[in-house]
Amino acid sequence: MALPRKSSRRIVVDGVTYRWRVRRRPTYGQGMCWSPLTYAVEHAANPGTTLLVRTDRPHPGNWMGGPASPVLPSGVAAAIRAARAEGWTPEAPGSPFLLDESQGTAPSACR
């Protein structure tokens, strides 16, 4: 499923254009700080497999008052490069590719 253009941001990494998006409202688990912030990335021209990046930080809209740090374009670019190194092919169709940057921990700011 393609990302909506209206709420996604454009980024160019190594000469390739991608779009990325953080969900505006947290899921219930993210709001309660049970699960970390996740954002999606896809190829801008030929969207195929979506990259889902699970971070180690809470969603900015969490309900527990955990301080949120923004997702920076430099972090998105690093995640795209790491996913490409692990075999993510954004132009090919398929199920979402998960890149887990959380090290298996709950968001540290909500503990």
N, C-alpha and C. Protein backbone atom coordinates (compact mmCIF):
# COMPACT_ATOMS: atom_id res chain seq x y z
N MET A 1 0.84 -1.18 0.00
CA MET A 1 0.00 0.00 0.00
C MET A 1 0.89 1.24 0.00
N ALA A 2 0.59 2.18 -0.83
CA ALA A 2 1.41 3.38 -0.99
C ALA A 2 1.14 4.39 0.12
N LEU A 3 2.16 5.16 0.45
CA LEU A 3 2.02 6.23 1.43
C LEU A 3 1.25 7.39 0.81
N PRO A 4 0.42 8.05 1.58
CA PRO A 4 -0.25 9.23 1.02
C PRO A 4 0.76 10.35 0.77
N ARG A 5 0.65 10.99 -0.36
CA ARG A 5 1.59 12.07 -0.70
C ARG A 5 1.43 13.28 0.20
N LYS A 6 0.22 13.54 0.62
CA LYS A 6 -0.06 14.76 1.37
C LYS A 6 0.71 14.82 2.69
N SER A 7 0.82 13.73 3.38
CA SER A 7 1.43 13.77 4.71
C SER A 7 2.82 13.14 4.76
N SER A 8 3.42 12.88 3.61
CA SER A 8 4.75 12.28 3.61
C SER A 8 5.81 13.31 3.22
N ARG A 9 7.03 13.03 3.63
CA ARG A 9 8.15 13.92 3.32
C ARG A 9 9.06 13.26 2.30
N ARG A 10 9.70 14.06 1.49
CA ARG A 10 10.59 13.58 0.44
C ARG A 10 12.02 13.62 0.96
N ILE A 11 12.80 12.59 0.58
CA ILE A 11 14.21 12.54 0.94
C ILE A 11 14.97 11.87 -0.20
N VAL A 12 16.16 12.37 -0.48
CA VAL A 12 17.01 11.78 -1.51
C VAL A 12 18.21 11.17 -0.82
N VAL A 13 18.40 9.87 -1.03
CA VAL A 13 19.52 9.14 -0.42
C VAL A 13 20.30 8.46 -1.54
N ASP A 14 21.56 8.80 -1.66
CA ASP A 14 22.44 8.22 -2.68
C ASP A 14 21.85 8.35 -4.08
N GLY A 15 21.22 9.48 -4.36
CA GLY A 15 20.67 9.76 -5.68
C GLY A 15 19.30 9.17 -5.96
N VAL A 16 18.70 8.51 -5.00
CA VAL A 16 17.38 7.89 -5.16
C VAL A 16 16.39 8.64 -4.28
N THR A 17 15.22 8.95 -4.83
CA THR A 17 14.21 9.69 -4.08
C THR A 17 13.24 8.73 -3.39
N TYR A 18 13.03 8.98 -2.10
CA TYR A 18 12.11 8.19 -1.27
C TYR A 18 11.10 9.14 -0.64
N ARG A 19 10.03 8.57 -0.10
CA ARG A 19 9.09 9.32 0.74
C ARG A 19 9.00 8.59 2.07
N TRP A 20 8.88 9.37 3.14
CA TRP A 20 8.75 8.77 4.45
C TRP A 20 7.68 9.47 5.26
N ARG A 21 7.16 8.77 6.26
CA ARG A 21 6.04 9.31 7.02
C ARG A 21 6.00 8.71 8.41
N VAL A 22 5.73 9.57 9.40
CA VAL A 22 5.44 9.14 10.77
C VAL A 22 3.94 9.25 10.95
N ARG A 23 3.34 8.23 11.51
CA ARG A 23 1.90 8.25 11.76
C ARG A 23 1.57 9.43 12.68
N ARG A 24 0.57 10.22 12.30
CA ARG A 24 0.22 11.42 13.08
C ARG A 24 -0.27 11.08 14.49
N ARG A 25 -1.23 10.19 14.56
CA ARG A 25 -1.74 9.80 15.87
C ARG A 25 -1.15 8.45 16.26
N PRO A 26 -0.78 8.30 17.52
CA PRO A 26 -0.18 7.02 17.92
C PRO A 26 -1.23 5.91 17.95
N THR A 27 -0.76 4.68 17.75
CA THR A 27 -1.64 3.54 17.98
C THR A 27 -1.87 3.46 19.49
N TYR A 28 -2.77 2.61 19.93
CA TYR A 28 -3.03 2.51 21.37
C TYR A 28 -1.76 2.10 22.12
N GLY A 29 -1.04 1.13 21.56
CA GLY A 29 0.19 0.68 22.20
C GLY A 29 1.26 1.76 22.26
N GLN A 30 1.35 2.58 21.21
CA GLN A 30 2.30 3.68 21.21
C GLN A 30 1.87 4.77 22.18
N GLY A 31 0.57 5.03 22.27
CA GLY A 31 0.06 6.04 23.18
C GLY A 31 0.31 5.69 24.63
N MET A 32 0.25 4.39 24.94
CA MET A 32 0.49 3.91 26.30
C MET A 32 1.96 3.60 26.56
N CYS A 33 2.82 3.85 25.57
CA CYS A 33 4.26 3.58 25.66
C CYS A 33 4.58 2.09 25.79
N TRP A 34 3.73 1.26 25.24
CA TRP A 34 4.00 -0.18 25.23
C TRP A 34 4.80 -0.56 24.01
N SER A 35 4.68 0.21 22.94
CA SER A 35 5.43 -0.06 21.72
C SER A 35 6.05 1.24 21.23
N PRO A 36 7.19 1.14 20.56
CA PRO A 36 7.92 2.35 20.15
C PRO A 36 7.37 2.96 18.86
N LEU A 37 7.88 4.13 18.56
CA LEU A 37 7.56 4.85 17.34
C LEU A 37 8.05 4.06 16.13
N THR A 38 7.20 3.95 15.12
CA THR A 38 7.55 3.29 13.86
C THR A 38 7.21 4.25 12.73
N TYR A 39 8.09 4.32 11.74
CA TYR A 39 7.79 5.15 10.57
C TYR A 39 7.99 4.33 9.31
N ALA A 40 7.38 4.79 8.22
CA ALA A 40 7.39 4.06 6.96
C ALA A 40 8.15 4.83 5.90
N VAL A 41 8.83 4.08 5.02
CA VAL A 41 9.59 4.66 3.91
C VAL A 41 9.26 3.86 2.65
N GLU A 42 9.15 4.56 1.52
CA GLU A 42 8.94 3.86 0.25
C GLU A 42 9.66 4.61 -0.87
N HIS A 43 9.89 3.92 -1.98
CA HIS A 43 10.48 4.52 -3.17
C HIS A 43 9.46 5.51 -3.74
N ALA A 44 9.89 6.70 -4.10
CA ALA A 44 8.95 7.75 -4.54
C ALA A 44 8.36 7.47 -5.91
N ALA A 45 9.17 7.04 -6.86
CA ALA A 45 8.69 6.87 -8.23
C ALA A 45 8.01 5.52 -8.46
N ASN A 46 8.57 4.45 -7.90
CA ASN A 46 8.04 3.10 -8.10
C ASN A 46 7.82 2.42 -6.75
N PRO A 47 6.79 2.79 -6.00
CA PRO A 47 6.60 2.18 -4.68
C PRO A 47 6.31 0.69 -4.80
N GLY A 48 7.07 -0.08 -4.09
CA GLY A 48 6.89 -1.53 -4.05
C GLY A 48 6.82 -1.97 -2.61
N THR A 49 7.91 -2.50 -2.11
CA THR A 49 7.99 -2.95 -0.72
C THR A 49 8.21 -1.74 0.19
N THR A 50 7.39 -1.62 1.19
CA THR A 50 7.51 -0.53 2.16
C THR A 50 8.49 -0.92 3.26
N LEU A 51 9.32 0.01 3.66
CA LEU A 51 10.24 -0.19 4.78
C LEU A 51 9.57 0.34 6.03
N LEU A 52 9.49 -0.48 7.08
CA LEU A 52 8.99 -0.06 8.38
C LEU A 52 10.17 -0.02 9.34
N VAL A 53 10.42 1.14 9.91
CA VAL A 53 11.55 1.32 10.82
C VAL A 53 11.00 1.46 12.24
N ARG A 54 11.34 0.51 13.10
CA ARG A 54 10.94 0.55 14.51
C ARG A 54 12.09 1.18 15.29
N THR A 55 11.80 2.30 15.95
CA THR A 55 12.83 3.04 16.69
C THR A 55 12.84 2.63 18.16
N ASP A 56 13.71 3.27 18.93
CA ASP A 56 13.77 3.00 20.38
C ASP A 56 13.21 4.17 21.18
N ARG A 57 12.42 5.01 20.55
CA ARG A 57 11.88 6.20 21.23
C ARG A 57 10.36 6.17 21.23
N PRO A 58 9.73 6.92 22.12
CA PRO A 58 8.27 6.95 22.15
C PRO A 58 7.70 7.81 21.03
N HIS A 59 6.46 7.56 20.70
CA HIS A 59 5.75 8.38 19.71
C HIS A 59 5.56 9.78 20.29
N PRO A 60 5.71 10.83 19.48
CA PRO A 60 5.55 12.20 19.99
C PRO A 60 4.18 12.46 20.60
N GLY A 61 3.17 11.73 20.19
CA GLY A 61 1.82 11.95 20.71
C GLY A 61 1.44 10.98 21.81
N ASN A 62 2.43 10.41 22.52
CA ASN A 62 2.08 9.45 23.57
C ASN A 62 1.32 10.12 24.69
N TRP A 63 0.51 9.34 25.40
CA TRP A 63 -0.39 9.88 26.43
C TRP A 63 0.22 9.83 27.82
N MET A 64 1.42 9.30 27.94
CA MET A 64 2.04 9.14 29.25
C MET A 64 2.99 10.29 29.58
N GLY A 65 3.12 11.24 28.70
CA GLY A 65 3.97 12.39 28.97
C GLY A 65 5.45 12.15 28.72
N GLY A 66 5.77 11.06 28.06
CA GLY A 66 7.17 10.78 27.75
C GLY A 66 7.70 11.80 26.75
N PRO A 67 8.86 12.41 27.02
CA PRO A 67 9.39 13.39 26.08
C PRO A 67 9.78 12.71 24.78
N ALA A 68 9.43 13.32 23.69
CA ALA A 68 9.70 12.74 22.38
C ALA A 68 10.83 13.47 21.69
N SER A 69 11.62 12.71 20.98
CA SER A 69 12.65 13.32 20.15
C SER A 69 12.23 13.15 18.69
N PRO A 70 12.46 14.15 17.87
CA PRO A 70 11.97 14.08 16.49
C PRO A 70 12.74 13.06 15.65
N VAL A 71 12.09 12.59 14.61
CA VAL A 71 12.74 11.75 13.61
C VAL A 71 13.39 12.72 12.62
N LEU A 72 14.69 12.68 12.55
CA LEU A 72 15.43 13.60 11.68
C LEU A 72 15.70 12.96 10.32
N PRO A 73 15.77 13.77 9.27
CA PRO A 73 16.10 13.24 7.96
C PRO A 73 17.42 12.46 7.94
N SER A 74 18.39 12.87 8.73
CA SER A 74 19.66 12.14 8.78
C SER A 74 19.46 10.72 9.32
N GLY A 75 18.56 10.57 10.29
CA GLY A 75 18.24 9.24 10.82
C GLY A 75 17.50 8.39 9.81
N VAL A 76 16.61 9.02 9.05
CA VAL A 76 15.87 8.31 8.01
C VAL A 76 16.84 7.84 6.93
N ALA A 77 17.77 8.70 6.53
CA ALA A 77 18.76 8.33 5.51
C ALA A 77 19.62 7.16 6.00
N ALA A 78 20.03 7.20 7.26
CA ALA A 78 20.83 6.10 7.81
C ALA A 78 20.03 4.80 7.84
N ALA A 79 18.75 4.89 8.17
CA ALA A 79 17.90 3.69 8.19
C ALA A 79 17.72 3.13 6.78
N ILE A 80 17.57 4.00 5.79
CA ILE A 80 17.43 3.54 4.40
C ILE A 80 18.70 2.83 3.96
N ARG A 81 19.86 3.40 4.28
CA ARG A 81 21.12 2.76 3.89
C ARG A 81 21.29 1.41 4.59
N ALA A 82 20.92 1.34 5.87
CA ALA A 82 21.02 0.07 6.60
C ALA A 82 20.07 -0.98 6.03
N ALA A 83 18.86 -0.58 5.68
CA ALA A 83 17.89 -1.52 5.12
C ALA A 83 18.35 -2.00 3.75
N ARG A 84 18.89 -1.11 2.92
CA ARG A 84 19.40 -1.52 1.61
C ARG A 84 20.54 -2.52 1.78
N ALA A 85 21.39 -2.30 2.79
CA ALA A 85 22.50 -3.24 3.05
C ALA A 85 21.98 -4.60 3.52
N GLU A 86 20.82 -4.62 4.17
CA GLU A 86 20.23 -5.88 4.65
C GLU A 86 19.36 -6.55 3.61
N GLY A 87 19.21 -5.93 2.43
CA GLY A 87 18.48 -6.59 1.36
C GLY A 87 17.14 -6.00 0.98
N TRP A 88 16.79 -4.85 1.50
CA TRP A 88 15.51 -4.22 1.13
C TRP A 88 15.59 -3.74 -0.31
N THR A 89 14.61 -4.16 -1.12
CA THR A 89 14.51 -3.72 -2.51
C THR A 89 13.21 -2.95 -2.65
N PRO A 90 13.26 -1.62 -2.58
CA PRO A 90 12.05 -0.81 -2.53
C PRO A 90 11.20 -0.83 -3.79
N GLU A 91 11.80 -1.13 -4.94
CA GLU A 91 11.04 -1.13 -6.19
C GLU A 91 10.28 -2.44 -6.41
N ALA A 92 10.69 -3.51 -5.77
CA ALA A 92 10.07 -4.82 -5.97
C ALA A 92 8.82 -4.96 -5.11
N PRO A 93 7.77 -5.60 -5.64
CA PRO A 93 6.58 -5.81 -4.82
C PRO A 93 6.85 -6.85 -3.74
N GLY A 94 6.11 -6.73 -2.66
CA GLY A 94 6.27 -7.70 -1.57
C GLY A 94 5.73 -7.16 -0.27
N SER A 95 5.84 -7.98 0.76
CA SER A 95 5.36 -7.57 2.08
C SER A 95 6.35 -6.59 2.69
N PRO A 96 5.91 -5.81 3.68
CA PRO A 96 6.78 -4.79 4.29
C PRO A 96 8.08 -5.39 4.85
N PHE A 97 9.14 -4.62 4.75
CA PHE A 97 10.45 -4.99 5.26
C PHE A 97 10.65 -4.27 6.59
N LEU A 98 10.91 -5.01 7.68
CA LEU A 98 11.05 -4.40 9.00
C LEU A 98 12.52 -4.22 9.35
N LEU A 99 12.87 -3.00 9.71
CA LEU A 99 14.20 -2.68 10.22
C LEU A 99 14.01 -2.30 11.68
N ASP A 100 14.51 -3.13 12.57
CA ASP A 100 14.31 -2.92 14.00
C ASP A 100 15.52 -2.22 14.60
N GLU A 101 15.36 -0.96 14.96
CA GLU A 101 16.42 -0.19 15.61
C GLU A 101 16.18 -0.04 17.11
N SER A 102 15.23 -0.82 17.64
CA SER A 102 14.85 -0.67 19.04
C SER A 102 15.66 -1.54 19.98
N GLN A 103 16.44 -2.46 19.47
CA GLN A 103 17.22 -3.40 20.28
C GLN A 103 16.34 -4.19 21.24
N GLY A 104 15.06 -4.36 20.91
CA GLY A 104 14.15 -5.16 21.70
C GLY A 104 13.74 -4.56 23.03
N THR A 105 13.86 -3.26 23.19
CA THR A 105 13.50 -2.62 24.44
C THR A 105 12.26 -1.74 24.27
N ALA A 106 11.62 -1.46 25.37
CA ALA A 106 10.50 -0.53 25.37
C ALA A 106 11.06 0.88 25.26
N PRO A 107 10.25 1.85 24.82
CA PRO A 107 10.74 3.22 24.73
C PRO A 107 11.29 3.69 26.08
N SER A 108 12.53 4.15 26.09
CA SER A 108 13.20 4.48 27.34
C SER A 108 12.58 5.68 28.05
N ALA A 109 12.01 6.62 27.33
CA ALA A 109 11.47 7.82 27.97
C ALA A 109 10.16 7.58 28.70
N CYS A 110 9.52 6.46 28.47
CA CYS A 110 8.23 6.19 29.09
C CYS A 110 8.33 5.24 30.27
N ARG A 111 9.51 4.77 30.58
CA ARG A 111 9.64 3.81 31.69
C ARG A 111 9.48 4.48 33.02
